Amino acid sequence: MAVVDFTKIYLKYPGLWVALKQDEKTVVASSKSAKKAYNEAISKGEKRPVLLKVPSQSTYYVGGDVQ
């Protein structure tokens, strides 16, 4: 599986649900509601949209075992 850069999506759709094509790159629809984004993508002909909730703000995470 290839890495997908969501930077442009995160900048354009903060706090929204986005429906993506199966390529997981192309935004078909967006809304504050997952159901609305999904239904709009279906109405535009996307058979199996991928839903993504974009965070309201970008945060950083550095993993590791803290003891």
PDB file of N, CA and C in Angstrom:
ATOM      1  N   MET A   1       0.839  -1.174   0.000  1.00  0.00           N
ATOM      2  CA  MET A   1       0.000   0.000   0.000  1.00  0.00           C
ATOM      3  C   MET A   1       0.886   1.240   0.000  1.00  0.00           C
ATOM      4  N   ALA A   2       0.608   2.156  -0.877  1.00  0.00           N
ATOM      5  CA  ALA A   2       1.391   3.385  -1.006  1.00  0.00           C
ATOM      6  C   ALA A   2       0.955   4.416   0.034  1.00  0.00           C
ATOM      7  N   VAL A   3       1.872   5.272   0.400  1.00  0.00           N
ATOM      8  CA  VAL A   3       1.578   6.356   1.334  1.00  0.00           C
ATOM      9  C   VAL A   3       0.809   7.444   0.593  1.00  0.00           C
ATOM     10  N   VAL A   4      -0.250   7.962   1.229  1.00  0.00           N
ATOM     11  CA  VAL A   4      -1.056   9.021   0.629  1.00  0.00           C
ATOM     12  C   VAL A   4      -0.835  10.298   1.438  1.00  0.00           C
ATOM     13  N   ASP A   5      -0.515  11.387   0.758  1.00  0.00           N
ATOM     14  CA  ASP A   5      -0.308  12.674   1.419  1.00  0.00           C
ATOM     15  C   ASP A   5      -1.648  13.410   1.484  1.00  0.00           C
ATOM     16  N   PHE A   6      -2.171  13.551   2.702  1.00  0.00           N
ATOM     17  CA  PHE A   6      -3.455  14.220   2.905  1.00  0.00           C
ATOM     18  C   PHE A   6      -3.296  15.708   3.219  1.00  0.00           C
ATOM     19  N   THR A   7      -2.123  16.270   3.049  1.00  0.00           N
ATOM     20  CA  THR A   7      -1.865  17.657   3.436  1.00  0.00           C
ATOM     21  C   THR A   7      -2.854  18.632   2.798  1.00  0.00           C
ATOM     22  N   LYS A   8      -3.064  18.537   1.501  1.00  0.00           N
ATOM     23  CA  LYS A   8      -3.977  19.467   0.816  1.00  0.00           C
ATOM     24  C   LYS A   8      -5.406  19.299   1.310  1.00  0.00           C
ATOM     25  N   ILE A   9      -5.811  18.055   1.563  1.00  0.00           N
ATOM     26  CA  ILE A   9      -7.162  17.791   2.070  1.00  0.00           C
ATOM     27  C   ILE A   9      -7.306  18.380   3.471  1.00  0.00           C
ATOM     28  N   TYR A  10      -6.289  18.193   4.327  1.00  0.00           N
ATOM     29  CA  TYR A  10      -6.329  18.724   5.686  1.00  0.00           C
ATOM     30  C   TYR A  10      -6.421  20.249   5.693  1.00  0.00           C
ATOM     31  N   LEU A  11      -5.745  20.899   4.759  1.00  0.00           N
ATOM     32  CA  LEU A  11      -5.770  22.355   4.698  1.00  0.00           C
ATOM     33  C   LEU A  11      -7.092  22.897   4.159  1.00  0.00           C
ATOM     34  N   LYS A  12      -7.695  22.175   3.224  1.00  0.00           N
ATOM     35  CA  LYS A  12      -8.909  22.665   2.565  1.00  0.00           C
ATOM     36  C   LYS A  12     -10.205  22.306   3.305  1.00  0.00           C
ATOM     37  N   TYR A  13     -10.203  21.196   4.074  1.00  0.00           N
ATOM     38  CA  TYR A  13     -11.437  20.700   4.682  1.00  0.00           C
ATOM     39  C   TYR A  13     -11.328  20.498   6.197  1.00  0.00           C
ATOM     40  N   PRO A  14     -10.775  21.454   6.960  1.00  0.00           N
ATOM     41  CA  PRO A  14     -10.629  21.226   8.400  1.00  0.00           C
ATOM     42  C   PRO A  14     -11.978  21.066   9.105  1.00  0.00           C
ATOM     43  N   GLY A  15     -12.078  20.025   9.936  1.00  0.00           N
ATOM     44  CA  GLY A  15     -13.293  19.794  10.710  1.00  0.00           C
ATOM     45  C   GLY A  15     -14.434  19.149   9.948  1.00  0.00           C
ATOM     46  N   LEU A  16     -14.224  18.805   8.694  1.00  0.00           N
ATOM     47  CA  LEU A  16     -15.308  18.229   7.885  1.00  0.00           C
ATOM     48  C   LEU A  16     -15.074  16.750   7.599  1.00  0.00           C
ATOM     49  N   TRP A  17     -16.147  16.086   7.239  1.00  0.00           N
ATOM     50  CA  TRP A  17     -16.078  14.730   6.695  1.00  0.00           C
ATOM     51  C   TRP A  17     -15.882  14.870   5.198  1.00  0.00           C
ATOM     52  N   VAL A  18     -14.984  14.102   4.629  1.00  0.00           N
ATOM     53  CA  VAL A  18     -14.812  14.083   3.183  1.00  0.00           C
ATOM     54  C   VAL A  18     -15.029  12.665   2.671  1.00  0.00           C
ATOM     55  N   ALA A  19     -15.621  12.590   1.506  1.00  0.00           N
ATOM     56  CA  ALA A  19     -15.816  11.317   0.818  1.00  0.00           C
ATOM     57  C   ALA A  19     -14.818  11.290  -0.329  1.00  0.00           C
ATOM     58  N   LEU A  20     -13.994  10.251  -0.343  1.00  0.00           N
ATOM     59  CA  LEU A  20     -12.953  10.120  -1.350  1.00  0.00           C
ATOM     60  C   LEU A  20     -13.286   9.016  -2.331  1.00  0.00           C
ATOM     61  N   LYS A  21     -12.751   9.138  -3.548  1.00  0.00           N
ATOM     62  CA  LYS A  21     -12.832   8.041  -4.499  1.00  0.00           C
ATOM     63  C   LYS A  21     -11.985   6.890  -3.968  1.00  0.00           C
ATOM     64  N   GLN A  22     -12.065   5.733  -4.602  1.00  0.00           N
ATOM     65  CA  GLN A  22     -11.303   4.563  -4.175  1.00  0.00           C
ATOM     66  C   GLN A  22      -9.789   4.775  -4.248  1.00  0.00           C
ATOM     67  N   ASP A  23      -9.334   5.781  -5.013  1.00  0.00           N
ATOM     68  CA  ASP A  23      -7.897   6.062  -5.065  1.00  0.00           C
ATOM     69  C   ASP A  23      -7.394   6.710  -3.774  1.00  0.00           C
ATOM     70  N   GLU A  24      -8.329   7.084  -2.894  1.00  0.00           N
ATOM     71  CA  GLU A  24      -8.061   7.721  -1.603  1.00  0.00           C
ATOM     72  C   GLU A  24      -7.309   9.044  -1.742  1.00  0.00           C
ATOM     73  N   LYS A  25      -7.457   9.701  -2.896  1.00  0.00           N
ATOM     74  CA  LYS A  25      -6.818  10.984  -3.146  1.00  0.00           C
ATOM     75  C   LYS A  25      -7.815  12.044  -3.604  1.00  0.00           C
ATOM     76  N   THR A  26      -8.828  11.626  -4.333  1.00  0.00           N
ATOM     77  CA  THR A  26      -9.764  12.546  -4.969  1.00  0.00           C
ATOM     78  C   THR A  26     -10.994  12.747  -4.097  1.00  0.00           C
ATOM     79  N   VAL A  27     -11.250  13.998  -3.711  1.00  0.00           N
ATOM     80  CA  VAL A  27     -12.415  14.327  -2.894  1.00  0.00           C
ATOM     81  C   VAL A  27     -13.636  14.422  -3.800  1.00  0.00           C
ATOM     82  N   VAL A  28     -14.670  13.679  -3.441  1.00  0.00           N
ATOM     83  CA  VAL A  28     -15.919  13.681  -4.203  1.00  0.00           C
ATOM     84  C   VAL A  28     -16.940  14.594  -3.536  1.00  0.00           C
ATOM     85  N   ALA A  29     -16.944  14.618  -2.188  1.00  0.00           N
ATOM     86  CA  ALA A  29     -17.916  15.420  -1.446  1.00  0.00           C
ATOM     87  C   ALA A  29     -17.358  15.726  -0.066  1.00  0.00           C
ATOM     88  N   SER A  30     -17.918  16.780   0.563  1.00  0.00           N
ATOM     89  CA  SER A  30     -17.543  17.108   1.933  1.00  0.00           C
ATOM     90  C   SER A  30     -18.746  17.696   2.656  1.00  0.00           C
ATOM     91  N   SER A  31     -18.772  17.506   3.985  1.00  0.00           N
ATOM     92  CA  SER A  31     -19.879  18.005   4.784  1.00  0.00           C
ATOM     93  C   SER A  31     -19.519  17.906   6.259  1.00  0.00           C
ATOM     94  N   LYS A  32     -20.274  18.610   7.103  1.00  0.00           N
ATOM     95  CA  LYS A  32     -20.110  18.460   8.550  1.00  0.00           C
ATOM     96  C   LYS A  32     -20.652  17.113   9.012  1.00  0.00           C
ATOM     97  N   SER A  33     -21.472  16.490   8.181  1.00  0.00           N
ATOM     98  CA  SER A  33     -22.088  15.203   8.483  1.00  0.00           C
ATOM     99  C   SER A  33     -21.499  14.104   7.592  1.00  0.00           C
ATOM    100  N   ALA A  34     -21.105  13.001   8.208  1.00  0.00           N
ATOM    101  CA  ALA A  34     -20.578  11.869   7.441  1.00  0.00           C
ATOM    102  C   ALA A  34     -21.645  11.323   6.489  1.00  0.00           C
ATOM    103  N   LYS A  35     -22.871  11.256   6.981  1.00  0.00           N
ATOM    104  CA  LYS A  35     -23.967  10.726   6.161  1.00  0.00           C
ATOM    105  C   LYS A  35     -24.208  11.593   4.924  1.00  0.00           C
ATOM    106  N   LYS A  36     -24.167  12.911   5.095  1.00  0.00           N
ATOM    107  CA  LYS A  36     -24.383  13.807   3.951  1.00  0.00           C
ATOM    108  C   LYS A  36     -23.239  13.692   2.936  1.00  0.00           C
ATOM    109  N   ALA A  37     -22.013  13.623   3.427  1.00  0.00           N
ATOM    110  CA  ALA A  37     -20.872  13.488   2.519  1.00  0.00           C
ATOM    111  C   ALA A  37     -20.972  12.178   1.744  1.00  0.00           C
ATOM    112  N   TYR A  38     -21.315  11.105   2.451  1.00  0.00           N
ATOM    113  CA  TYR A  38     -21.455   9.785   1.825  1.00  0.00           C
ATOM    114  C   TYR A  38     -22.568   9.795   0.774  1.00  0.00           C
ATOM    115  N   ASN A  39     -23.738  10.302   1.153  1.00  0.00           N
ATOM    116  CA  ASN A  39     -24.875  10.312   0.222  1.00  0.00           C
ATOM    117  C   ASN A  39     -24.607  11.183  -0.999  1.00  0.00           C
ATOM    118  N   GLU A  40     -23.907  12.303  -0.816  1.00  0.00           N
ATOM    119  CA  GLU A  40     -23.574  13.159  -1.955  1.00  0.00           C
ATOM    120  C   GLU A  40     -22.615  12.439  -2.902  1.00  0.00           C
ATOM    121  N   ALA A  41     -21.649  11.718  -2.338  1.00  0.00           N
ATOM    122  CA  ALA A  41     -20.707  10.957  -3.175  1.00  0.00           C
ATOM    123  C   ALA A  41     -21.441   9.871  -3.957  1.00  0.00           C
ATOM    124  N   ILE A  42     -22.369   9.185  -3.304  1.00  0.00           N
ATOM    125  CA  ILE A  42     -23.173   8.151  -3.973  1.00  0.00           C
ATOM    126  C   ILE A  42     -23.983   8.779  -5.110  1.00  0.00           C
ATOM    127  N   SER A  43     -24.590   9.944  -4.846  1.00  0.00           N
ATOM    128  CA  SER A  43     -25.404  10.601  -5.875  1.00  0.00           C
ATOM    129  C   SER A  43     -24.555  11.073  -7.062  1.00  0.00           C
ATOM    130  N   LYS A  44     -23.250  11.250  -6.833  1.00  0.00           N
ATOM    131  CA  LYS A  44     -22.346  11.651  -7.914  1.00  0.00           C
ATOM    132  C   LYS A  44     -21.759  10.447  -8.646  1.00  0.00           C
ATOM    133  N   GLY A  45     -22.222   9.244  -8.275  1.00  0.00           N
ATOM    134  CA  GLY A  45     -21.813   8.053  -9.003  1.00  0.00           C
ATOM    135  C   GLY A  45     -20.688   7.245  -8.376  1.00  0.00           C
ATOM    136  N   GLU A  46     -20.196   7.648  -7.221  1.00  0.00           N
ATOM    137  CA  GLU A  46     -19.145   6.884  -6.545  1.00  0.00           C
ATOM    138  C   GLU A  46     -19.791   5.705  -5.822  1.00  0.00           C
ATOM    139  N   LYS A  47     -19.419   4.493  -6.209  1.00  0.00           N
ATOM    140  CA  LYS A  47     -20.093   3.304  -5.665  1.00  0.00           C
ATOM    141  C   LYS A  47     -19.680   2.974  -4.235  1.00  0.00           C
ATOM    142  N   ARG A  48     -18.403   3.175  -3.905  1.00  0.00           N
ATOM    143  CA  ARG A  48     -17.912   2.853  -2.566  1.00  0.00           C
ATOM    144  C   ARG A  48     -16.973   3.953  -2.073  1.00  0.00           C
ATOM    145  N   PRO A  49     -17.527   5.095  -1.685  1.00  0.00           N
ATOM    146  CA  PRO A  49     -16.668   6.189  -1.233  1.00  0.00           C
ATOM    147  C   PRO A  49     -15.965   5.842   0.079  1.00  0.00           C
ATOM    148  N   VAL A  50     -14.775   6.382   0.237  1.00  0.00           N
ATOM    149  CA  VAL A  50     -14.005   6.217   1.464  1.00  0.00           C
ATOM    150  C   VAL A  50     -14.222   7.481   2.286  1.00  0.00           C
ATOM    151  N   LEU A  51     -14.690   7.327   3.528  1.00  0.00           N
ATOM    152  CA  LEU A  51     -14.936   8.492   4.375  1.00  0.00           C
ATOM    153  C   LEU A  51     -13.733   8.787   5.259  1.00  0.00           C
ATOM    154  N   LEU A  52     -13.454  10.074   5.432  1.00  0.00           N
ATOM    155  CA  LEU A  52     -12.342  10.529   6.256  1.00  0.00           C
ATOM    156  C   LEU A  52     -12.798  11.737   7.051  1.00  0.00           C
ATOM    157  N   LYS A  53     -12.599  11.704   8.365  1.00  0.00           N
ATOM    158  CA  LYS A  53     -12.890  12.866   9.210  1.00  0.00           C
ATOM    159  C   LYS A  53     -11.597  13.663   9.333  1.00  0.00           C
ATOM    160  N   VAL A  54     -11.605  14.875   8.814  1.00  0.00           N
ATOM    161  CA  VAL A  54     -10.426  15.737   8.854  1.00  0.00           C
ATOM    162  C   VAL A  54     -10.420  16.464  10.198  1.00  0.00           C
ATOM    163  N   PRO A  55      -9.316  16.403  10.930  1.00  0.00           N
ATOM    164  CA  PRO A  55      -9.253  17.112  12.212  1.00  0.00           C
ATOM    165  C   PRO A  55      -9.420  18.619  12.033  1.00  0.00           C
ATOM    166  N   SER A  56      -9.945  19.280  13.057  1.00  0.00           N
ATOM    167  CA  SER A  56     -10.124  20.738  13.005  1.00  0.00           C
ATOM    168  C   SER A  56      -8.796  21.464  12.964  1.00  0.00           C
ATOM    169  N   GLN A  57      -7.812  20.884  13.636  1.00  0.00           N
ATOM    170  CA  GLN A  57      -6.483  21.479  13.599  1.00  0.00           C
ATOM    171  C   GLN A  57      -5.444  20.376  13.507  1.00  0.00           C
ATOM    172  N   SER A  58      -4.332  20.719  12.934  1.00  0.00           N
ATOM    173  CA  SER A  58      -3.262  19.747  12.762  1.00  0.00           C
ATOM    174  C   SER A  58      -2.489  19.605  14.068  1.00  0.00           C
ATOM    175  N   THR A  59      -2.269  18.360  14.474  1.00  0.00           N
ATOM    176  CA  THR A  59      -1.499  18.100  15.688  1.00  0.00           C
ATOM    177  C   THR A  59      -0.380  17.127  15.364  1.00  0.00           C
ATOM    178  N   TYR A  60       0.586  17.065  16.208  1.00  0.00           N
ATOM    179  CA  TYR A  60       1.731  16.177  16.000  1.00  0.00           C
ATOM    180  C   TYR A  60       1.692  15.052  17.020  1.00  0.00           C
ATOM    181  N   TYR A  61       2.187  13.902  16.621  1.00  0.00           N
ATOM    182  CA  TYR A  61       2.277  12.767  17.517  1.00  0.00           C
ATOM    183  C   TYR A  61       3.633  12.121  17.330  1.00  0.00           C
ATOM    184  N   VAL A  62       4.312  11.939  18.410  1.00  0.00           N
ATOM    185  CA  VAL A  62       5.591  11.224  18.383  1.00  0.00           C
ATOM    186  C   VAL A  62       5.391  10.015  19.278  1.00  0.00           C
ATOM    187  N   GLY A  63       5.461   8.832  18.696  1.00  0.00           N
ATOM    188  CA  GLY A  63       5.202   7.617  19.454  1.00  0.00           C
ATOM    189  C   GLY A  63       6.414   7.145  20.219  1.00  0.00           C
ATOM    190  N   GLY A  64       6.152   6.303  21.162  1.00  0.00           N
ATOM    191  CA  GLY A  64       7.231   5.724  21.936  1.00  0.00           C
ATOM    192  C   GLY A  64       6.723   5.204  23.259  1.00  0.00           C
ATOM    193  N   ASP A  65       7.475   4.353  23.856  1.00  0.00           N
ATOM    194  CA  ASP A  65       7.110   3.769  25.128  1.00  0.00           C
ATOM    195  C   ASP A  65       7.707   4.624  26.244  1.00  0.00           C
ATOM    196  N   VAL A  66       6.856   5.254  27.014  1.00  0.00           N
ATOM    197  CA  VAL A  66       7.317   6.107  28.109  1.00  0.00           C
ATOM    198  C   VAL A  66       7.244   5.313  29.402  1.00  0.00           C
ATOM    199  N   GLN A  67       8.372   5.277  30.121  1.00  0.00           N
ATOM    200  CA  GLN A  67       8.394   4.538  31.393  1.00  0.00           C
ATOM    201  C   GLN A  67       8.864   5.406  32.524  1.00  0.00           C
TER     202      GLN A  67
END
